[in-house]
C-alpha atoms as a PDB file:
ATOM      1  CA  UNK A   1      81.051 -94.687-116.740  1.00  0.00           C
ATOM      2  CA  UNK A   2      83.315 -91.794-117.560  1.00  0.00           C
ATOM      3  CA  UNK A   3      86.778 -92.404-118.973  1.00  0.00           C
ATOM      4  CA  UNK A   4      89.727 -90.214-119.787  1.00  0.00           C
ATOM      5  CA  UNK A   5      90.703 -89.068-123.270  1.00  0.00           C
ATOM      6  CA  UNK A   6      93.146 -91.993-123.453  1.00  0.00           C
ATOM      7  CA  UNK A   7      90.335 -94.433-122.709  1.00  0.00           C
ATOM      8  CA  UNK A   8      91.893 -95.677-119.482  1.00  0.00           C
ATOM      9  CA  UNK A   9      90.749 -94.895-115.955  1.00  0.00           C
ATOM     10  CA  UNK A  10      88.168 -92.549-114.499  1.00  0.00           C
ATOM     11  CA  UNK A  11      88.244 -88.797-114.970  1.00  0.00           C
ATOM     12  CA  UNK A  12      87.358 -87.926-111.378  1.00  0.00           C
ATOM     13  CA  UNK A  13      90.068 -87.182-108.873  1.00  0.00           C
ATOM     14  CA  UNK A  14      90.674 -89.479-105.967  1.00  0.00           C
ATOM     15  CA  UNK A  15      91.650 -88.374-102.481  1.00  0.00           C
ATOM     16  CA  UNK A  16      94.073 -85.455-102.435  1.00  0.00           C
ATOM     17  CA  UNK A  17      97.710 -86.591-102.169  1.00  0.00           C
ATOM     18  CA  UNK A  18     100.717 -84.345-101.726  1.00  0.00           C
ATOM     19  CA  UNK A  19     104.180 -84.899-103.174  1.00  0.00           C
ATOM     20  CA  UNK A  20     106.573 -86.503-100.772  1.00  0.00           C
ATOM     21  CA  UNK A  21     109.894 -88.228-100.880  1.00  0.00           C
ATOM     22  CA  UNK A  22     110.105 -91.971-100.450  1.00  0.00           C
ATOM     23  CA  UNK A  23     112.463 -94.832-101.184  1.00  0.00           C
ATOM     24  CA  UNK A  24     115.169 -93.937-103.676  1.00  0.00           C
ATOM     25  CA  UNK A  25     114.351 -90.249-103.420  1.00  0.00           C
ATOM     26  CA  UNK A  26     115.222 -90.227 -99.710  1.00  0.00           C
ATOM     27  CA  UNK A  27     118.407 -92.154-100.487  1.00  0.00           C
ATOM     28  CA  UNK A  28     119.319 -89.597-103.157  1.00  0.00           C
ATOM     29  CA  UNK A  29     118.623 -86.671-100.807  1.00  0.00           C
ATOM     30  CA  UNK A  30     120.793 -88.139 -98.052  1.00  0.00           C
ATOM     31  CA  UNK A  31     123.601 -88.918-100.512  1.00  0.00           C
ATOM     32  CA  UNK A  32     123.409 -85.406-102.010  1.00  0.00           C
ATOM     33  CA  UNK A  33     123.753 -83.865 -98.564  1.00  0.00           C
ATOM     34  CA  UNK A  34     126.657 -86.218 -97.784  1.00  0.00           C
ATOM     35  CA  UNK A  35     128.402 -85.454-101.082  1.00  0.00           C
ATOM     36  CA  UNK A  36     127.841 -81.730-100.535  1.00  0.00           C
ATOM     37  CA  UNK A  37     129.397 -81.857 -97.075  1.00  0.00           C
ATOM     38  CA  UNK A  38     132.367 -83.805 -98.451  1.00  0.00           C
ATOM     39  CA  UNK A  39     132.777 -81.193-101.209  1.00  0.00           C
ATOM     40  CA  UNK A  40     132.715 -78.413 -98.602  1.00  0.00           C
ATOM     41  CA  UNK A  41     135.469 -80.197 -96.641  1.00  0.00           C
ATOM     42  CA  UNK A  42     137.374 -80.772 -99.872  1.00  0.00           C
ATOM     43  CA  UNK A  43     137.110 -77.112-100.816  1.00  0.00           C
ATOM     44  CA  UNK A  44     138.112 -75.954 -97.361  1.00  0.00           C
ATOM     45  CA  UNK A  45     141.204 -78.176 -97.424  1.00  0.00           C
ATOM     46  CA  UNK A  46     142.196 -76.785-100.818  1.00  0.00           C
ATOM     47  CA  UNK A  47     141.665 -73.160 -99.782  1.00  0.00           C
ATOM     48  CA  UNK A  48     143.748 -73.662 -96.634  1.00  0.00           C
ATOM     49  CA  UNK A  49     146.429 -75.373 -98.766  1.00  0.00           C
ATOM     50  CA  UNK A  50     146.446 -78.431 -96.521  1.00  0.00           C
ATOM     51  CA  UNK A  51     149.200 -81.006 -96.872  1.00  0.00           C
ATOM     52  CA  UNK A  52     146.553 -83.571 -97.860  1.00  0.00           C
ATOM     53  CA  UNK A  53     146.555 -82.543-101.493  1.00  0.00           C
ATOM     54  CA  UNK A  54     148.843 -84.075-104.079  1.00  0.00           C
ATOM     55  CA  UNK A  55     149.784 -81.630-106.818  1.00  0.00           C
ATOM     56  CA  UNK A  56     151.063 -83.264-109.990  1.00  0.00           C
ATOM     57  CA  UNK A  57     153.204 -81.397-112.485  1.00  0.00           C
ATOM     58  CA  UNK A  58     151.847 -82.428-115.837  1.00  0.00           C
ATOM     59  CA  UNK A  59     148.078 -82.721-115.742  1.00  0.00           C
ATOM     60  CA  UNK A  60     145.954 -81.442-118.591  1.00  0.00           C
ATOM     61  CA  UNK A  61     143.421 -79.721-116.304  1.00  0.00           C
ATOM     62  CA  UNK A  62     145.920 -77.935-114.066  1.00  0.00           C
ATOM     63  CA  UNK A  63     144.533 -75.130-111.918  1.00  0.00           C
ATOM     64  CA  UNK A  64     145.444 -73.340-108.738  1.00  0.00           C
ATOM     65  CA  UNK A  65     144.285 -75.483-105.804  1.00  0.00           C
ATOM     66  CA  UNK A  66     142.811 -72.431-104.085  1.00  0.00           C
ATOM     67  CA  UNK A  67     140.647 -71.804-107.170  1.00  0.00           C
ATOM     68  CA  UNK A  68     139.510 -75.426-107.154  1.00  0.00           C
ATOM     69  CA  UNK A  69     138.829 -75.081-103.447  1.00  0.00           C
ATOM     70  CA  UNK A  70     136.407 -72.211-104.002  1.00  0.00           C
ATOM     71  CA  UNK A  71     134.696 -74.132-106.811  1.00  0.00           C
ATOM     72  CA  UNK A  72     134.211 -77.174-104.572  1.00  0.00           C
ATOM     73  CA  UNK A  73     133.108 -75.078-101.615  1.00  0.00           C
ATOM     74  CA  UNK A  74     130.418 -73.240-103.583  1.00  0.00           C
ATOM     75  CA  UNK A  75     129.322 -76.388-105.433  1.00  0.00           C
ATOM     76  CA  UNK A  76     129.159 -78.253-102.103  1.00  0.00           C
ATOM     77  CA  UNK A  77     126.778 -75.681-100.638  1.00  0.00           C
ATOM     78  CA  UNK A  78     124.575 -75.850-103.765  1.00  0.00           C
ATOM     79  CA  UNK A  79     124.565 -79.668-103.582  1.00  0.00           C
ATOM     80  CA  UNK A  80     123.505 -79.572 -99.923  1.00  0.00           C
ATOM     81  CA  UNK A  81     120.631 -77.195-100.740  1.00  0.00           C
ATOM     82  CA  UNK A  82     119.569 -79.454-103.637  1.00  0.00           C
ATOM     83  CA  UNK A  83     119.703 -82.477-101.313  1.00  0.00           C
ATOM     84  CA  UNK A  84     117.397 -80.786 -98.829  1.00  0.00           C
ATOM     85  CA  UNK A  85     115.033 -79.786-101.659  1.00  0.00           C
ATOM     86  CA  UNK A  86     114.858 -83.393-102.895  1.00  0.00           C
ATOM     87  CA  UNK A  87     113.110 -84.338 -99.636  1.00  0.00           C
ATOM     88  CA  UNK A  88     110.093 -82.353-100.821  1.00  0.00           C
ATOM     89  CA  UNK A  89     109.526 -84.997-103.487  1.00  0.00           C
ATOM     90  CA  UNK A  90     108.844 -82.400-106.163  1.00  0.00           C
ATOM     91  CA  UNK A  91     109.888 -82.980-109.741  1.00  0.00           C
ATOM     92  CA  UNK A  92     111.875 -79.737-110.052  1.00  0.00           C
ATOM     93  CA  UNK A  93     113.995 -80.734-107.032  1.00  0.00           C
ATOM     94  CA  UNK A  94     114.786 -84.074-108.679  1.00  0.00           C
ATOM     95  CA  UNK A  95     115.863 -82.319-111.873  1.00  0.00           C
ATOM     96  CA  UNK A  96     118.035 -79.881-109.913  1.00  0.00           C
ATOM     97  CA  UNK A  97     119.496 -82.851-108.004  1.00  0.00           C
ATOM     98  CA  UNK A  98     120.449 -84.613-111.235  1.00  0.00           C
ATOM     99  CA  UNK A  99     122.021 -81.435-112.635  1.00  0.00           C
ATOM    100  CA  UNK A 100     124.109 -80.652-109.531  1.00  0.00           C
ATOM    101  CA  UNK A 101     125.172 -84.292-109.178  1.00  0.00           C
ATOM    102  CA  UNK A 102     126.338 -84.168-112.804  1.00  0.00           C
ATOM    103  CA  UNK A 103     128.263 -80.965-112.111  1.00  0.00           C
ATOM    104  CA  UNK A 104     129.753 -82.634-109.048  1.00  0.00           C
ATOM    105  CA  UNK A 105     130.891 -85.586-111.162  1.00  0.00           C
ATOM    106  CA  UNK A 106     132.551 -83.230-113.627  1.00  0.00           C
ATOM    107  CA  UNK A 107     134.264 -81.184-110.895  1.00  0.00           C
ATOM    108  CA  UNK A 108     135.543 -84.319-109.186  1.00  0.00           C
ATOM    109  CA  UNK A 109     136.821 -85.750-112.453  1.00  0.00           C
ATOM    110  CA  UNK A 110     138.872 -82.597-112.887  1.00  0.00           C
ATOM    111  CA  UNK A 111     139.950 -82.896-109.228  1.00  0.00           C
ATOM    112  CA  UNK A 112     141.415 -86.416-109.735  1.00  0.00           C
ATOM    113  CA  UNK A 113     145.103 -85.385-109.795  1.00  0.00           C
ATOM    114  CA  UNK A 114     144.810 -83.506-106.490  1.00  0.00           C
ATOM    115  CA  UNK A 115     143.008 -86.073-104.330  1.00  0.00           C
ATOM    116  CA  UNK A 116     142.330 -89.230-106.372  1.00  0.00           C
ATOM    117  CA  UNK A 117     140.626 -91.466-103.794  1.00  0.00           C
ATOM    118  CA  UNK A 118     138.265 -88.773-102.532  1.00  0.00           C
ATOM    119  CA  UNK A 119     137.399 -87.745-106.104  1.00  0.00           C
ATOM    120  CA  UNK A 120     136.592 -91.328-107.145  1.00  0.00           C
ATOM    121  CA  UNK A 121     134.377 -91.829-104.089  1.00  0.00           C
ATOM    122  CA  UNK A 122     132.453 -88.613-104.831  1.00  0.00           C
ATOM    123  CA  UNK A 123     132.086 -89.557-108.507  1.00  0.00           C
ATOM    124  CA  UNK A 124     130.561 -92.886-107.424  1.00  0.00           C
ATOM    125  CA  UNK A 125     128.207 -91.153-104.963  1.00  0.00           C
ATOM    126  CA  UNK A 126     127.083 -88.685-107.637  1.00  0.00           C
ATOM    127  CA  UNK A 127     126.454 -91.533-110.088  1.00  0.00           C
ATOM    128  CA  UNK A 128     124.289 -93.310-107.476  1.00  0.00           C
ATOM    129  CA  UNK A 129     122.386 -90.083-106.824  1.00  0.00           C
ATOM    130  CA  UNK A 130     121.639 -89.591-110.517  1.00  0.00           C
ATOM    131  CA  UNK A 131     120.475 -93.193-110.807  1.00  0.00           C
ATOM    132  CA  UNK A 132     118.299 -92.969-107.676  1.00  0.00           C
ATOM    133  CA  UNK A 133     116.653 -89.723-108.804  1.00  0.00           C
ATOM    134  CA  UNK A 134     115.946 -91.131-112.253  1.00  0.00           C
ATOM    135  CA  UNK A 135     114.395 -94.435-111.106  1.00  0.00           C
ATOM    136  CA  UNK A 136     112.477 -93.106-108.108  1.00  0.00           C
ATOM    137  CA  UNK A 137     108.696 -92.983-108.264  1.00  0.00           C
ATOM    138  CA  UNK A 138     107.098 -89.568-108.801  1.00  0.00           C
ATOM    139  CA  UNK A 139     103.704 -88.957-107.240  1.00  0.00           C
ATOM    140  CA  UNK A 140     101.787 -85.800-107.996  1.00  0.00           C
ATOM    141  CA  UNK A 141      98.817 -84.254-106.242  1.00  0.00           C
ATOM    142  CA  UNK A 142      96.223 -85.911-108.474  1.00  0.00           C
ATOM    143  CA  UNK A 143      97.947 -89.243-108.909  1.00  0.00           C
ATOM    144  CA  UNK A 144      99.827 -90.399-111.969  1.00  0.00           C
ATOM    145  CA  UNK A 145      97.809 -89.747-115.113  1.00  0.00           C
ATOM    146  CA  UNK A 146      94.863 -88.276-113.272  1.00  0.00           C
ATOM    147  CA  UNK A 147      93.002 -85.205-114.371  1.00  0.00           C
ATOM    148  CA  UNK A 148      93.329 -81.919-112.523  1.00  0.00           C
ATOM    149  CA  UNK A 149      91.206 -78.832-113.124  1.00  0.00           C
ATOM    150  CA  UNK A 150      88.843 -78.720-116.087  1.00  0.00           C
ATOM    151  CA  UNK A 151      90.776 -78.075-119.265  1.00  0.00           C
ATOM    152  CA  UNK A 152      94.175 -78.907-117.783  1.00  0.00           C
ATOM    153  CA  UNK A 153      96.420 -81.659-119.038  1.00  0.00           C
ATOM    154  CA  UNK A 154      97.373 -84.452-116.631  1.00  0.00           C
ATOM    155  CA  UNK A 155     100.651 -86.407-116.659  1.00  0.00           C
ATOM    156  CA  UNK A 156      99.343 -89.072-119.030  1.00  0.00           C
ATOM    157  CA  UNK A 157      98.190 -86.434-121.483  1.00  0.00           C
ATOM    158  CA  UNK A 158      94.504 -86.676-120.643  1.00  0.00           C
ATOM    159  CA  UNK A 159      92.600 -83.424-120.873  1.00  0.00           C
ATOM    160  CA  UNK A 160      90.386 -82.395-117.960  1.00  0.00           C
ATOM    161  CA  UNK A 161      86.819 -82.067-119.099  1.00  0.00           C
ATOM    162  CA  UNK A 162      87.258 -84.605-121.916  1.00  0.00           C
ATOM    163  CA  UNK A 163      85.118 -87.670-121.485  1.00  0.00           C
ATOM    164  CA  UNK A 164      82.823 -86.152-118.857  1.00  0.00           C
ATOM    165  CA  UNK A 165      79.240 -87.201-118.949  1.00  0.00           C
ATOM    166  CA  UNK A 166      76.733 -84.483-119.730  1.00  0.00           C
END
């Protein structure tokens, strides 16, 4: 019986599986799209100088609301694109999702004096997205820890071709 270089499991590949989103990854994708749409609305309101915004006088991170509006609008579009990419289930999309959710948390923290309730809600959504993307199960084409092409390294560090019977 053949075993991998780590001594656990067979070295042959099972049936071909493709990455897909499931469970927490779908939740994170939906929440990213929702947070992105909210950021777009937030940015649009700031650019139009709506009466919804509260502008305080003495806040450390003071900035023109139109400037903040453009930041939120652009970040919202990027967050929506990342949310759609997360549905692919690929690892790079999860990393991008965590990064843009972190940027969204930072932007909304700085947005607190202008629209406190909305900013707190978006910070909470971004925190849930980061958590969901970090705990979600990742499945790759060869299965977790399985060996790909000869000589390649799988996720568990096993080397393809190692442990094969002659």
